[in-house]
Amino acid sequence: MIYTVDRTEGEFAVCEDEEGNFLDISLALLPGVRPGDVINERDGKYVLDSDETARRRKRAVSLQNELFE
């Protein structure tokens, strides 16, 4: 399953899955995550997908730049 970190609240990361459902995941399982980070869940373990996160951030910047041109 793939999740995107929406925000952090207290000791939890509020994450959205591909279907728009939200899940609270303990920050202890996701050290150093930030809103917008992409996380893959495999066998009950969460792994930051750095490549997908970077791709999405680059796309967001590109879209913002298009708005102001």
PDB file of N, CA and C in Angstrom:
ATOM      1  N   MET A   1       0.849  -1.169   0.000  1.00  0.00           N
ATOM      2  CA  MET A   1       0.000   0.000   0.000  1.00  0.00           C
ATOM      3  C   MET A   1       0.896   1.233   0.000  1.00  0.00           C
ATOM      4  N   ILE A   2       0.453   2.267  -0.679  1.00  0.00           N
ATOM      5  CA  ILE A   2       1.194   3.519  -0.753  1.00  0.00           C
ATOM      6  C   ILE A   2       0.412   4.594  -0.011  1.00  0.00           C
ATOM      7  N   TYR A   3       1.119   5.359   0.816  1.00  0.00           N
ATOM      8  CA  TYR A   3       0.523   6.447   1.573  1.00  0.00           C
ATOM      9  C   TYR A   3       1.284   7.734   1.311  1.00  0.00           C
ATOM     10  N   THR A   4       0.571   8.847   1.432  1.00  0.00           N
ATOM     11  CA  THR A   4       1.190  10.164   1.390  1.00  0.00           C
ATOM     12  C   THR A   4       0.934  10.822   2.738  1.00  0.00           C
ATOM     13  N   VAL A   5       1.995  11.365   3.348  1.00  0.00           N
ATOM     14  CA  VAL A   5       1.845  12.038   4.631  1.00  0.00           C
ATOM     15  C   VAL A   5       1.120  13.359   4.388  1.00  0.00           C
ATOM     16  N   ASP A   6      -0.048  13.492   4.987  1.00  0.00           N
ATOM     17  CA  ASP A   6      -0.844  14.709   4.863  1.00  0.00           C
ATOM     18  C   ASP A   6      -0.368  15.758   5.867  1.00  0.00           C
ATOM     19  N   ARG A   7      -0.173  15.313   7.113  1.00  0.00           N
ATOM     20  CA  ARG A   7       0.249  16.213   8.185  1.00  0.00           C
ATOM     21  C   ARG A   7       0.662  15.382   9.388  1.00  0.00           C
ATOM     22  N   THR A   8       1.253  16.049  10.367  1.00  0.00           N
ATOM     23  CA  THR A   8       1.530  15.379  11.631  1.00  0.00           C
ATOM     24  C   THR A   8       0.661  16.019  12.707  1.00  0.00           C
ATOM     25  N   GLU A   9       0.217  15.189  13.624  1.00  0.00           N
ATOM     26  CA  GLU A   9      -0.591  15.629  14.757  1.00  0.00           C
ATOM     27  C   GLU A   9      -0.086  14.906  15.989  1.00  0.00           C
ATOM     28  N   GLY A  10       0.553  15.655  16.879  1.00  0.00           N
ATOM     29  CA  GLY A  10       1.101  15.035  18.079  1.00  0.00           C
ATOM     30  C   GLY A  10       2.138  13.996  17.716  1.00  0.00           C
ATOM     31  N   GLU A  11       1.894  12.768  18.110  1.00  0.00           N
ATOM     32  CA  GLU A  11       2.836  11.676  17.883  1.00  0.00           C
ATOM     33  C   GLU A  11       2.471  10.825  16.670  1.00  0.00           C
ATOM     34  N   PHE A  12       1.592  11.361  15.801  1.00  0.00           N
ATOM     35  CA  PHE A  12       1.138  10.594  14.652  1.00  0.00           C
ATOM     36  C   PHE A  12       1.323  11.356  13.342  1.00  0.00           C
ATOM     37  N   ALA A  13       1.539  10.601  12.285  1.00  0.00           N
ATOM     38  CA  ALA A  13       1.494  11.128  10.925  1.00  0.00           C
ATOM     39  C   ALA A  13       0.129  10.732  10.372  1.00  0.00           C
ATOM     40  N   VAL A  14      -0.611  11.711   9.891  1.00  0.00           N
ATOM     41  CA  VAL A  14      -1.902  11.437   9.266  1.00  0.00           C
ATOM     42  C   VAL A  14      -1.604  11.203   7.788  1.00  0.00           C
ATOM     43  N   CYS A  15      -1.858   9.983   7.332  1.00  0.00           N
ATOM     44  CA  CYS A  15      -1.480   9.578   5.982  1.00  0.00           C
ATOM     45  C   CYS A  15      -2.715   9.220   5.163  1.00  0.00           C
ATOM     46  N   GLU A  16      -2.637   9.531   3.873  1.00  0.00           N
ATOM     47  CA  GLU A  16      -3.735   9.236   2.960  1.00  0.00           C
ATOM     48  C   GLU A  16      -3.308   8.132   2.011  1.00  0.00           C
ATOM     49  N   ASP A  17      -4.181   7.135   1.829  1.00  0.00           N
ATOM     50  CA  ASP A  17      -3.857   6.065   0.886  1.00  0.00           C
ATOM     51  C   ASP A  17      -4.332   6.431  -0.510  1.00  0.00           C
ATOM     52  N   GLU A  18      -4.135   5.529  -1.440  1.00  0.00           N
ATOM     53  CA  GLU A  18      -4.454   5.780  -2.849  1.00  0.00           C
ATOM     54  C   GLU A  18      -5.948   5.939  -3.110  1.00  0.00           C
ATOM     55  N   GLU A  19      -6.772   5.481  -2.180  1.00  0.00           N
ATOM     56  CA  GLU A  19      -8.218   5.558  -2.340  1.00  0.00           C
ATOM     57  C   GLU A  19      -8.832   6.732  -1.580  1.00  0.00           C
ATOM     58  N   GLY A  20      -7.985   7.560  -0.946  1.00  0.00           N
ATOM     59  CA  GLY A  20      -8.475   8.721  -0.220  1.00  0.00           C
ATOM     60  C   GLY A  20      -8.818   8.458   1.235  1.00  0.00           C
ATOM     61  N   ASN A  21      -8.499   7.268   1.735  1.00  0.00           N
ATOM     62  CA  ASN A  21      -8.732   6.942   3.139  1.00  0.00           C
ATOM     63  C   ASN A  21      -7.550   7.423   3.974  1.00  0.00           C
ATOM     64  N   PHE A  22      -7.837   7.814   5.211  1.00  0.00           N
ATOM     65  CA  PHE A  22      -6.791   8.306   6.094  1.00  0.00           C
ATOM     66  C   PHE A  22      -6.450   7.287   7.169  1.00  0.00           C
ATOM     67  N   LEU A  23      -5.174   7.280   7.548  1.00  0.00           N
ATOM     68  CA  LEU A  23      -4.664   6.365   8.566  1.00  0.00           C
ATOM     69  C   LEU A  23      -3.670   7.123   9.419  1.00  0.00           C
ATOM     70  N   ASP A  24      -3.767   6.987  10.742  1.00  0.00           N
ATOM     71  CA  ASP A  24      -2.791   7.575  11.649  1.00  0.00           C
ATOM     72  C   ASP A  24      -1.697   6.544  11.891  1.00  0.00           C
ATOM     73  N   ILE A  25      -0.455   6.945  11.640  1.00  0.00           N
ATOM     74  CA  ILE A  25       0.688   6.056  11.840  1.00  0.00           C
ATOM     75  C   ILE A  25       1.616   6.717  12.840  1.00  0.00           C
ATOM     76  N   SER A  26       2.061   5.971  13.818  1.00  0.00           N
ATOM     77  CA  SER A  26       2.950   6.494  14.844  1.00  0.00           C
ATOM     78  C   SER A  26       4.227   7.051  14.218  1.00  0.00           C
ATOM     79  N   LEU A  27       4.616   8.251  14.642  1.00  0.00           N
ATOM     80  CA  LEU A  27       5.859   8.841  14.146  1.00  0.00           C
ATOM     81  C   LEU A  27       7.076   8.018  14.555  1.00  0.00           C
ATOM     82  N   ALA A  28       6.920   7.186  15.570  1.00  0.00           N
ATOM     83  CA  ALA A  28       8.014   6.300  15.968  1.00  0.00           C
ATOM     84  C   ALA A  28       8.350   5.314  14.844  1.00  0.00           C
ATOM     85  N   LEU A  29       7.360   5.004  14.011  1.00  0.00           N
ATOM     86  CA  LEU A  29       7.572   4.098  12.876  1.00  0.00           C
ATOM     87  C   LEU A  29       8.031   4.847  11.630  1.00  0.00           C
ATOM     88  N   LEU A  30       7.946   6.180  11.661  1.00  0.00           N
ATOM     89  CA  LEU A  30       8.259   7.001  10.490  1.00  0.00           C
ATOM     90  C   LEU A  30       9.176   8.166  10.873  1.00  0.00           C
ATOM     91  N   PRO A  31      10.329   7.898  11.432  1.00  0.00           N
ATOM     92  CA  PRO A  31      11.167   9.000  11.895  1.00  0.00           C
ATOM     93  C   PRO A  31      11.567   9.944  10.760  1.00  0.00           C
ATOM     94  N   GLY A  32      11.406  11.248  11.020  1.00  0.00           N
ATOM     95  CA  GLY A  32      11.851  12.258  10.076  1.00  0.00           C
ATOM     96  C   GLY A  32      10.930  12.545   8.910  1.00  0.00           C
ATOM     97  N   VAL A  33       9.731  11.974   8.884  1.00  0.00           N
ATOM     98  CA  VAL A  33       8.832  12.238   7.751  1.00  0.00           C
ATOM     99  C   VAL A  33       8.275  13.648   7.831  1.00  0.00           C
ATOM    100  N   ARG A  34       7.908  14.167   6.653  1.00  0.00           N
ATOM    101  CA  ARG A  34       7.325  15.502   6.535  1.00  0.00           C
ATOM    102  C   ARG A  34       6.076  15.403   5.671  1.00  0.00           C
ATOM    103  N   PRO A  35       5.191  16.377   5.787  1.00  0.00           N
ATOM    104  CA  PRO A  35       4.027  16.380   4.907  1.00  0.00           C
ATOM    105  C   PRO A  35       4.463  16.329   3.443  1.00  0.00           C
ATOM    106  N   GLY A  36       3.776  15.501   2.681  1.00  0.00           N
ATOM    107  CA  GLY A  36       4.102  15.314   1.272  1.00  0.00           C
ATOM    108  C   GLY A  36       4.969  14.103   0.991  1.00  0.00           C
ATOM    109  N   ASP A  37       5.600  13.547   2.022  1.00  0.00           N
ATOM    110  CA  ASP A  37       6.430  12.358   1.821  1.00  0.00           C
ATOM    111  C   ASP A  37       5.562  11.171   1.421  1.00  0.00           C
ATOM    112  N   VAL A  38       6.116  10.314   0.577  1.00  0.00           N
ATOM    113  CA  VAL A  38       5.433   9.106   0.128  1.00  0.00           C
ATOM    114  C   VAL A  38       6.027   7.919   0.883  1.00  0.00           C
ATOM    115  N   ILE A  39       5.139   7.079   1.404  1.00  0.00           N
ATOM    116  CA  ILE A  39       5.541   5.923   2.208  1.00  0.00           C
ATOM    117  C   ILE A  39       4.946   4.662   1.610  1.00  0.00           C
ATOM    118  N   ASN A  40       5.750   3.620   1.545  1.00  0.00           N
ATOM    119  CA  ASN A  40       5.272   2.308   1.125  1.00  0.00           C
ATOM    120  C   ASN A  40       5.166   1.416   2.349  1.00  0.00           C
ATOM    121  N   GLU A  41       4.073   0.674   2.435  1.00  0.00           N
ATOM    122  CA  GLU A  41       3.894  -0.294   3.516  1.00  0.00           C
ATOM    123  C   GLU A  41       4.097  -1.675   2.931  1.00  0.00           C
ATOM    124  N   ARG A  42       5.028  -2.402   3.519  1.00  0.00           N
ATOM    125  CA  ARG A  42       5.307  -3.771   3.076  1.00  0.00           C
ATOM    126  C   ARG A  42       5.449  -4.655   4.302  1.00  0.00           C
ATOM    127  N   ASP A  43       4.628  -5.669   4.367  1.00  0.00           N
ATOM    128  CA  ASP A  43       4.695  -6.631   5.466  1.00  0.00           C
ATOM    129  C   ASP A  43       4.657  -5.962   6.834  1.00  0.00           C
ATOM    130  N   GLY A  44       3.820  -4.927   6.967  1.00  0.00           N
ATOM    131  CA  GLY A  44       3.668  -4.249   8.243  1.00  0.00           C
ATOM    132  C   GLY A  44       4.758  -3.251   8.570  1.00  0.00           C
ATOM    133  N   LYS A  45       5.680  -3.019   7.650  1.00  0.00           N
ATOM    134  CA  LYS A  45       6.753  -2.049   7.866  1.00  0.00           C
ATOM    135  C   LYS A  45       6.590  -0.907   6.877  1.00  0.00           C
ATOM    136  N   TYR A  46       6.932   0.292   7.323  1.00  0.00           N
ATOM    137  CA  TYR A  46       6.787   1.493   6.509  1.00  0.00           C
ATOM    138  C   TYR A  46       8.156   1.969   6.058  1.00  0.00           C
ATOM    139  N   VAL A  47       8.261   2.261   4.747  1.00  0.00           N
ATOM    140  CA  VAL A  47       9.532   2.688   4.167  1.00  0.00           C
ATOM    141  C   VAL A  47       9.286   3.953   3.352  1.00  0.00           C
ATOM    142  N   LEU A  48      10.098   4.971   3.591  1.00  0.00           N
ATOM    143  CA  LEU A  48      10.005   6.209   2.832  1.00  0.00           C
ATOM    144  C   LEU A  48      10.441   5.949   1.397  1.00  0.00           C
ATOM    145  N   ASP A  49       9.622   6.365   0.444  1.00  0.00           N
ATOM    146  CA  ASP A  49       9.949   6.240  -0.980  1.00  0.00           C
ATOM    147  C   ASP A  49      10.520   7.584  -1.434  1.00  0.00           C
ATOM    148  N   SER A  50      11.833   7.740  -1.302  1.00  0.00           N
ATOM    149  CA  SER A  50      12.505   9.006  -1.599  1.00  0.00           C
ATOM    150  C   SER A  50      12.362   9.410  -3.058  1.00  0.00           C
ATOM    151  N   ASP A  51      12.427   8.442  -3.958  1.00  0.00           N
ATOM    152  CA  ASP A  51      12.333   8.749  -5.387  1.00  0.00           C
ATOM    153  C   ASP A  51      10.955   9.300  -5.745  1.00  0.00           C
ATOM    154  N   GLU A  52       9.907   8.657  -5.273  1.00  0.00           N
ATOM    155  CA  GLU A  52       8.548   9.110  -5.566  1.00  0.00           C
ATOM    156  C   GLU A  52       8.264  10.447  -4.890  1.00  0.00           C
ATOM    157  N   THR A  53       8.762  10.623  -3.671  1.00  0.00           N
ATOM    158  CA  THR A  53       8.589  11.898  -2.976  1.00  0.00           C
ATOM    159  C   THR A  53       9.237  13.022  -3.781  1.00  0.00           C
ATOM    160  N   ALA A  54      10.460  12.813  -4.246  1.00  0.00           N
ATOM    161  CA  ALA A  54      11.175  13.831  -5.026  1.00  0.00           C
ATOM    162  C   ALA A  54      10.444  14.121  -6.334  1.00  0.00           C
ATOM    163  N   ARG A  55       9.930  13.084  -6.988  1.00  0.00           N
ATOM    164  CA  ARG A  55       9.203  13.270  -8.244  1.00  0.00           C
ATOM    165  C   ARG A  55       7.964  14.130  -8.021  1.00  0.00           C
ATOM    166  N   ARG A  56       7.218  13.835  -6.964  1.00  0.00           N
ATOM    167  CA  ARG A  56       5.990  14.590  -6.682  1.00  0.00           C
ATOM    168  C   ARG A  56       6.290  16.035  -6.285  1.00  0.00           C
ATOM    169  N   ARG A  57       7.341  16.240  -5.505  1.00  0.00           N
ATOM    170  CA  ARG A  57       7.701  17.608  -5.117  1.00  0.00           C
ATOM    171  C   ARG A  57       8.125  18.424  -6.349  1.00  0.00           C
ATOM    172  N   LYS A  58       8.874  17.797  -7.240  1.00  0.00           N
ATOM    173  CA  LYS A  58       9.312  18.482  -8.458  1.00  0.00           C
ATOM    174  C   LYS A  58       8.095  18.856  -9.309  1.00  0.00           C
ATOM    175  N   ARG A  59       7.145  17.956  -9.413  1.00  0.00           N
ATOM    176  CA  ARG A  59       5.921  18.215 -10.182  1.00  0.00           C
ATOM    177  C   ARG A  59       5.124  19.359  -9.562  1.00  0.00           C
ATOM    178  N   ALA A  60       5.032  19.387  -8.237  1.00  0.00           N
ATOM    179  CA  ALA A  60       4.292  20.453  -7.559  1.00  0.00           C
ATOM    180  C   ALA A  60       4.941  21.814  -7.812  1.00  0.00           C
ATOM    181  N   VAL A  61       6.256  21.873  -7.771  1.00  0.00           N
ATOM    182  CA  VAL A  61       6.964  23.126  -8.039  1.00  0.00           C
ATOM    183  C   VAL A  61       6.733  23.559  -9.479  1.00  0.00           C
ATOM    184  N   SER A  62       6.763  22.607 -10.386  1.00  0.00           N
ATOM    185  CA  SER A  62       6.531  22.911 -11.803  1.00  0.00           C
ATOM    186  C   SER A  62       5.138  23.499 -12.003  1.00  0.00           C
ATOM    187  N   LEU A  63       4.143  22.914 -11.387  1.00  0.00           N
ATOM    188  CA  LEU A  63       2.771  23.416 -11.503  1.00  0.00           C
ATOM    189  C   LEU A  63       2.639  24.815 -10.897  1.00  0.00           C
ATOM    190  N   GLN A  64       3.289  25.054  -9.771  1.00  0.00           N
ATOM    191  CA  GLN A  64       3.248  26.379  -9.165  1.00  0.00           C
ATOM    192  C   GLN A  64       3.887  27.410 -10.081  1.00  0.00           C
ATOM    193  N   ASN A  65       5.008  27.065 -10.694  1.00  0.00           N
ATOM    194  CA  ASN A  65       5.685  27.977 -11.594  1.00  0.00           C
ATOM    195  C   ASN A  65       4.811  28.330 -12.802  1.00  0.00           C
ATOM    196  N   GLU A  66       4.077  27.350 -13.299  1.00  0.00           N
ATOM    197  CA  GLU A  66       3.169  27.579 -14.434  1.00  0.00           C
ATOM    198  C   GLU A  66       2.071  28.582 -14.081  1.00  0.00           C
ATOM    199  N   LEU A  67       1.624  28.548 -12.842  1.00  0.00           N
ATOM    200  CA  LEU A  67       0.560  29.463 -12.405  1.00  0.00           C
ATOM    201  C   LEU A  67       1.013  30.922 -12.423  1.00  0.00           C
ATOM    202  N   PHE A  68       2.290  31.150 -12.175  1.00  0.00           N
ATOM    203  CA  PHE A  68       2.779  32.507 -12.031  1.00  0.00           C
ATOM    204  C   PHE A  68       3.541  33.015 -13.263  1.00  0.00           C
ATOM    205  N   GLU A  69       3.505  32.292 -14.328  1.00  0.00           N
ATOM    206  CA  GLU A  69       4.182  32.738 -15.551  1.00  0.00           C
ATOM    207  C   GLU A  69       3.300  33.677 -16.347  1.00  0.00           C
TER     208      GLU A  69
END
